[in-house]
Amino acid sequence: MKSPEQCADLQDVRTGIDTIDRQIVTLLGERLRYVHAAAAFKPTVESIPAPERVAAMMVERRSWAVEVGLPPDFVAGLFAKITDWYIATQTAYWRARRDA
Protein backbone atom coordinates (compact mmCIF):
# COMPACT_ATOMS: atom_id res chain seq x y z
CA MET A 1 0.00 0.00 0.00
CA LYS A 2 1.33 3.38 -0.97
CA SER A 3 1.15 6.41 1.29
CA PRO A 4 -1.39 9.02 0.16
CA GLU A 5 1.47 11.19 -1.07
CA GLN A 6 2.87 8.33 -3.20
CA CYS A 7 -0.42 7.57 -4.99
CA ALA A 8 -0.06 7.94 -8.75
CA ASP A 9 -3.69 7.36 -9.66
CA LEU A 10 -7.18 6.70 -8.32
CA GLN A 11 -6.54 2.95 -8.17
CA ASP A 12 -3.65 3.53 -5.75
CA VAL A 13 -5.97 5.63 -3.59
CA ARG A 14 -8.71 2.98 -3.69
CA THR A 15 -6.23 0.25 -2.82
CA GLY A 16 -5.11 2.26 0.21
CA ILE A 17 -8.68 2.90 1.35
CA ASP A 18 -9.68 -0.75 0.86
CA THR A 19 -6.63 -1.90 2.82
CA ILE A 20 -7.44 0.43 5.70
CA ASP A 21 -11.12 -0.56 5.66
CA ARG A 22 -10.14 -4.23 5.86
CA GLN A 23 -7.94 -3.43 8.88
CA ILE A 24 -10.84 -1.58 10.52
CA VAL A 25 -13.17 -4.56 10.03
CA THR A 26 -10.52 -6.93 11.38
CA LEU A 27 -10.05 -4.71 14.44
CA LEU A 28 -13.82 -4.56 15.02
CA GLY A 29 -13.81 -8.35 15.07
CA GLU A 30 -10.96 -8.36 17.57
CA ARG A 31 -12.81 -5.78 19.67
CA LEU A 32 -15.80 -8.12 19.72
CA ARG A 33 -13.62 -10.83 21.22
CA TYR A 34 -12.76 -8.44 24.08
CA VAL A 35 -16.44 -7.57 24.49
CA HIS A 36 -17.24 -11.26 24.83
CA ALA A 37 -14.38 -11.68 27.31
CA ALA A 38 -15.75 -8.77 29.37
CA ALA A 39 -19.08 -10.57 29.69
CA ALA A 40 -17.42 -13.11 31.97
CA PHE A 41 -16.67 -10.33 34.46
CA LYS A 42 -20.15 -8.80 34.47
CA PRO A 43 -22.16 -10.14 37.42
CA THR A 44 -25.55 -9.05 36.09
CA VAL A 45 -27.04 -8.04 32.77
CA GLU A 46 -27.69 -4.60 34.30
CA SER A 47 -23.95 -4.11 34.78
CA ILE A 48 -23.22 -4.42 31.07
CA PRO A 49 -24.02 -0.89 29.83
CA ALA A 50 -21.58 0.78 32.31
CA PRO A 51 -22.63 4.37 31.50
CA GLU A 52 -19.74 5.86 33.51
CA ARG A 53 -17.25 3.90 31.41
CA VAL A 54 -18.99 4.89 28.18
CA ALA A 55 -18.95 8.57 29.18
CA ALA A 56 -15.22 8.39 29.98
CA MET A 57 -14.58 6.60 26.68
CA MET A 58 -16.34 9.33 24.73
CA VAL A 59 -14.21 12.04 26.31
CA GLU A 60 -11.09 10.08 25.41
CA ARG A 61 -12.26 9.32 21.84
CA ARG A 62 -13.01 13.01 21.32
CA SER A 63 -9.51 13.85 22.48
CA TRP A 64 -8.01 11.26 20.13
CA ALA A 65 -10.01 12.77 17.27
CA VAL A 66 -8.62 16.23 17.95
CA GLU A 67 -5.07 14.80 18.10
CA VAL A 68 -5.35 13.45 14.55
CA GLY A 69 -7.35 16.33 13.07
CA LEU A 70 -10.78 14.70 12.93
CA PRO A 71 -14.01 16.37 14.06
CA PRO A 72 -14.65 15.20 17.64
CA ASP A 73 -18.43 15.18 17.15
CA PHE A 74 -18.08 12.79 14.20
CA VAL A 75 -15.78 10.44 16.11
CA ALA A 76 -17.97 10.52 19.23
CA GLY A 77 -21.05 9.77 17.12
CA LEU A 78 -19.28 6.90 15.40
CA PHE A 79 -18.16 5.43 18.71
CA ALA A 80 -21.62 5.90 20.21
CA LYS A 81 -23.02 3.76 17.41
CA ILE A 82 -20.25 1.19 17.81
CA THR A 83 -20.67 1.12 21.58
CA ASP A 84 -24.44 0.72 21.40
CA TRP A 85 -24.06 -2.28 19.11
CA TYR A 86 -21.39 -3.89 21.28
CA ILE A 87 -23.48 -3.40 24.43
CA ALA A 88 -26.44 -5.09 22.75
CA THR A 89 -24.18 -7.87 21.50
CA GLN A 90 -22.57 -8.35 24.91
CA THR A 91 -25.99 -8.48 26.53
CA ALA A 92 -27.14 -11.23 24.16
CA TYR A 93 -23.85 -13.08 24.63
CA TRP A 94 -24.09 -12.78 28.44
CA ARG A 95 -27.66 -14.11 28.45
CA ALA A 96 -26.79 -17.00 26.11
CA ARG A 97 -23.92 -18.05 28.38
CA ARG A 98 -26.07 -17.89 31.51
CA ASP A 99 -28.98 -19.76 29.92
CA ALA A 100 -26.78 -22.51 28.50
C-alpha atoms as a PDB file:
ATOM      1  CA  MET A   1       0.000   0.000   0.000  1.00  0.00           C
ATOM      2  CA  LYS A   2       1.333   3.383  -0.973  1.00  0.00           C
ATOM      3  CA  SER A   3       1.154   6.409   1.290  1.00  0.00           C
ATOM      4  CA  PRO A   4      -1.387   9.021   0.157  1.00  0.00           C
ATOM      5  CA  GLU A   5       1.473  11.192  -1.075  1.00  0.00           C
ATOM      6  CA  GLN A   6       2.865   8.332  -3.203  1.00  0.00           C
ATOM      7  CA  CYS A   7      -0.415   7.565  -4.987  1.00  0.00           C
ATOM      8  CA  ALA A   8      -0.056   7.940  -8.748  1.00  0.00           C
ATOM      9  CA  ASP A   9      -3.694   7.364  -9.657  1.00  0.00           C
ATOM     10  CA  LEU A  10      -7.177   6.700  -8.320  1.00  0.00           C
ATOM     11  CA  GLN A  11      -6.542   2.948  -8.174  1.00  0.00           C
ATOM     12  CA  ASP A  12      -3.648   3.534  -5.754  1.00  0.00           C
ATOM     13  CA  VAL A  13      -5.974   5.629  -3.589  1.00  0.00           C
ATOM     14  CA  ARG A  14      -8.713   2.981  -3.691  1.00  0.00           C
ATOM     15  CA  THR A  15      -6.233   0.247  -2.820  1.00  0.00           C
ATOM     16  CA  GLY A  16      -5.112   2.255   0.205  1.00  0.00           C
ATOM     17  CA  ILE A  17      -8.679   2.897   1.345  1.00  0.00           C
ATOM     18  CA  ASP A  18      -9.676  -0.753   0.857  1.00  0.00           C
ATOM     19  CA  THR A  19      -6.631  -1.899   2.815  1.00  0.00           C
ATOM     20  CA  ILE A  20      -7.443   0.428   5.696  1.00  0.00           C
ATOM     21  CA  ASP A  21     -11.124  -0.560   5.664  1.00  0.00           C
ATOM     22  CA  ARG A  22     -10.138  -4.228   5.855  1.00  0.00           C
ATOM     23  CA  GLN A  23      -7.942  -3.434   8.876  1.00  0.00           C
ATOM     24  CA  ILE A  24     -10.840  -1.576  10.522  1.00  0.00           C
ATOM     25  CA  VAL A  25     -13.174  -4.557  10.026  1.00  0.00           C
ATOM     26  CA  THR A  26     -10.520  -6.930  11.383  1.00  0.00           C
ATOM     27  CA  LEU A  27     -10.054  -4.714  14.443  1.00  0.00           C
ATOM     28  CA  LEU A  28     -13.818  -4.558  15.023  1.00  0.00           C
ATOM     29  CA  GLY A  29     -13.813  -8.353  15.070  1.00  0.00           C
ATOM     30  CA  GLU A  30     -10.963  -8.365  17.570  1.00  0.00           C
ATOM     31  CA  ARG A  31     -12.808  -5.778  19.667  1.00  0.00           C
ATOM     32  CA  LEU A  32     -15.800  -8.119  19.720  1.00  0.00           C
ATOM     33  CA  ARG A  33     -13.621 -10.835  21.220  1.00  0.00           C
ATOM     34  CA  TYR A  34     -12.761  -8.442  24.080  1.00  0.00           C
ATOM     35  CA  VAL A  35     -16.438  -7.566  24.494  1.00  0.00           C
ATOM     36  CA  HIS A  36     -17.239 -11.259  24.828  1.00  0.00           C
ATOM     37  CA  ALA A  37     -14.384 -11.675  27.311  1.00  0.00           C
ATOM     38  CA  ALA A  38     -15.747  -8.773  29.372  1.00  0.00           C
ATOM     39  CA  ALA A  39     -19.082 -10.566  29.692  1.00  0.00           C
ATOM     40  CA  ALA A  40     -17.423 -13.111  31.971  1.00  0.00           C
ATOM     41  CA  PHE A  41     -16.670 -10.330  34.464  1.00  0.00           C
ATOM     42  CA  LYS A  42     -20.149  -8.801  34.470  1.00  0.00           C
ATOM     43  CA  PRO A  43     -22.156 -10.137  37.421  1.00  0.00           C
ATOM     44  CA  THR A  44     -25.554  -9.048  36.085  1.00  0.00           C
ATOM     45  CA  VAL A  45     -27.038  -8.036  32.774  1.00  0.00           C
ATOM     46  CA  GLU A  46     -27.693  -4.605  34.296  1.00  0.00           C
ATOM     47  CA  SER A  47     -23.947  -4.109  34.782  1.00  0.00           C
ATOM     48  CA  ILE A  48     -23.223  -4.419  31.071  1.00  0.00           C
ATOM     49  CA  PRO A  49     -24.015  -0.891  29.826  1.00  0.00           C
ATOM     50  CA  ALA A  50     -21.584   0.781  32.310  1.00  0.00           C
ATOM     51  CA  PRO A  51     -22.627   4.370  31.496  1.00  0.00           C
ATOM     52  CA  GLU A  52     -19.737   5.865  33.508  1.00  0.00           C
ATOM     53  CA  ARG A  53     -17.248   3.899  31.405  1.00  0.00           C
ATOM     54  CA  VAL A  54     -18.989   4.889  28.178  1.00  0.00           C
ATOM     55  CA  ALA A  55     -18.947   8.571  29.183  1.00  0.00           C
ATOM     56  CA  ALA A  56     -15.224   8.393  29.979  1.00  0.00           C
ATOM     57  CA  MET A  57     -14.578   6.599  26.678  1.00  0.00           C
ATOM     58  CA  MET A  58     -16.336   9.331  24.727  1.00  0.00           C
ATOM     59  CA  VAL A  59     -14.205  12.042  26.308  1.00  0.00           C
ATOM     60  CA  GLU A  60     -11.088  10.078  25.410  1.00  0.00           C
ATOM     61  CA  ARG A  61     -12.255   9.319  21.845  1.00  0.00           C
ATOM     62  CA  ARG A  62     -13.010  13.006  21.317  1.00  0.00           C
ATOM     63  CA  SER A  63      -9.505  13.852  22.483  1.00  0.00           C
ATOM     64  CA  TRP A  64      -8.010  11.264  20.130  1.00  0.00           C
ATOM     65  CA  ALA A  65     -10.006  12.773  17.273  1.00  0.00           C
ATOM     66  CA  VAL A  66      -8.616  16.232  17.949  1.00  0.00           C
ATOM     67  CA  GLU A  67      -5.074  14.796  18.103  1.00  0.00           C
ATOM     68  CA  VAL A  68      -5.349  13.450  14.548  1.00  0.00           C
ATOM     69  CA  GLY A  69      -7.352  16.325  13.068  1.00  0.00           C
ATOM     70  CA  LEU A  70     -10.783  14.702  12.928  1.00  0.00           C
ATOM     71  CA  PRO A  71     -14.007  16.371  14.063  1.00  0.00           C
ATOM     72  CA  PRO A  72     -14.647  15.201  17.641  1.00  0.00           C
ATOM     73  CA  ASP A  73     -18.431  15.175  17.147  1.00  0.00           C
ATOM     74  CA  PHE A  74     -18.079  12.794  14.203  1.00  0.00           C
ATOM     75  CA  VAL A  75     -15.782  10.435  16.108  1.00  0.00           C
ATOM     76  CA  ALA A  76     -17.970  10.519  19.228  1.00  0.00           C
ATOM     77  CA  GLY A  77     -21.046   9.772  17.118  1.00  0.00           C
ATOM     78  CA  LEU A  78     -19.284   6.903  15.405  1.00  0.00           C
ATOM     79  CA  PHE A  79     -18.156   5.431  18.712  1.00  0.00           C
ATOM     80  CA  ALA A  80     -21.617   5.905  20.214  1.00  0.00           C
ATOM     81  CA  LYS A  81     -23.023   3.758  17.408  1.00  0.00           C
ATOM     82  CA  ILE A  82     -20.253   1.187  17.809  1.00  0.00           C
ATOM     83  CA  THR A  83     -20.669   1.116  21.582  1.00  0.00           C
ATOM     84  CA  ASP A  84     -24.439   0.724  21.400  1.00  0.00           C
ATOM     85  CA  TRP A  85     -24.055  -2.280  19.106  1.00  0.00           C
ATOM     86  CA  TYR A  86     -21.386  -3.894  21.277  1.00  0.00           C
ATOM     87  CA  ILE A  87     -23.479  -3.400  24.430  1.00  0.00           C
ATOM     88  CA  ALA A  88     -26.442  -5.087  22.749  1.00  0.00           C
ATOM     89  CA  THR A  89     -24.182  -7.870  21.496  1.00  0.00           C
ATOM     90  CA  GLN A  90     -22.568  -8.354  24.906  1.00  0.00           C
ATOM     91  CA  THR A  91     -25.993  -8.475  26.534  1.00  0.00           C
ATOM     92  CA  ALA A  92     -27.137 -11.233  24.158  1.00  0.00           C
ATOM     93  CA  TYR A  93     -23.846 -13.082  24.631  1.00  0.00           C
ATOM     94  CA  TRP A  94     -24.089 -12.784  28.441  1.00  0.00           C
ATOM     95  CA  ARG A  95     -27.655 -14.113  28.445  1.00  0.00           C
ATOM     96  CA  ALA A  96     -26.789 -17.001  26.106  1.00  0.00           C
ATOM     97  CA  ARG A  97     -23.917 -18.050  28.378  1.00  0.00           C
ATOM     98  CA  ARG A  98     -26.073 -17.887  31.512  1.00  0.00           C
ATOM     99  CA  ASP A  99     -28.981 -19.758  29.916  1.00  0.00           C
ATOM    100  CA  ALA A 100     -26.780 -22.513  28.498  1.00  0.00           C
END
